Amino acid sequence: MGHSFTDFRGKHILSKDYKIETWLRLMAQEIDFLAVSPAWLRDVRDFWIDHARNYANGCFDPELDRLIKSDEQLNTLLALCRSVQSRLQDFGQVIPKEFLNELCELNPPSHILEDNDSELYLRYVRALIQLLEGRQANDTEHA
């Protein structure tokens, strides 16, 4: 699996595609968990799920600059990111391979064979929150 950049307001995160895909799918779930969600957020969810399902190696782009048009939208996405972070932390040290395979719709022979270290995914989410909050020190962060 390749690497992709997550861009926002002139700064970037470089990370492995599987981390971005997992985040896209977890964010979509968080949006689905909301009792009510505005049309723009449902559109973001649909775009991210379609993007995750139809991805090409090295081409994940959540298109944050295009999708986040106001401070209200930014704050909504930050709250959802924090919720994803909390869900990942709830797993403890490892995320079960069964959860990841179901989340990412993976089946043999292209499935995850081992439980994954939670830190792999938490590092990306923490870097993303810093990026969205404008607290990223360098132009490019590796997550």
Foldseek 3Di string as FASTA:
>chain_A
DAWEWEDDPQATEIEAPLLVLLVLLLLLVLQVPDPDDDPLSVVLNVVSVVCLVDDDGHDDYSPVHVSDDDVVSLVVVLVSLVVSLVVLVVVPQWAAQVVSCVSSVHDPPRGDDGTGGSVSNNVVSVVVSCNSVVNDDDRYHYD
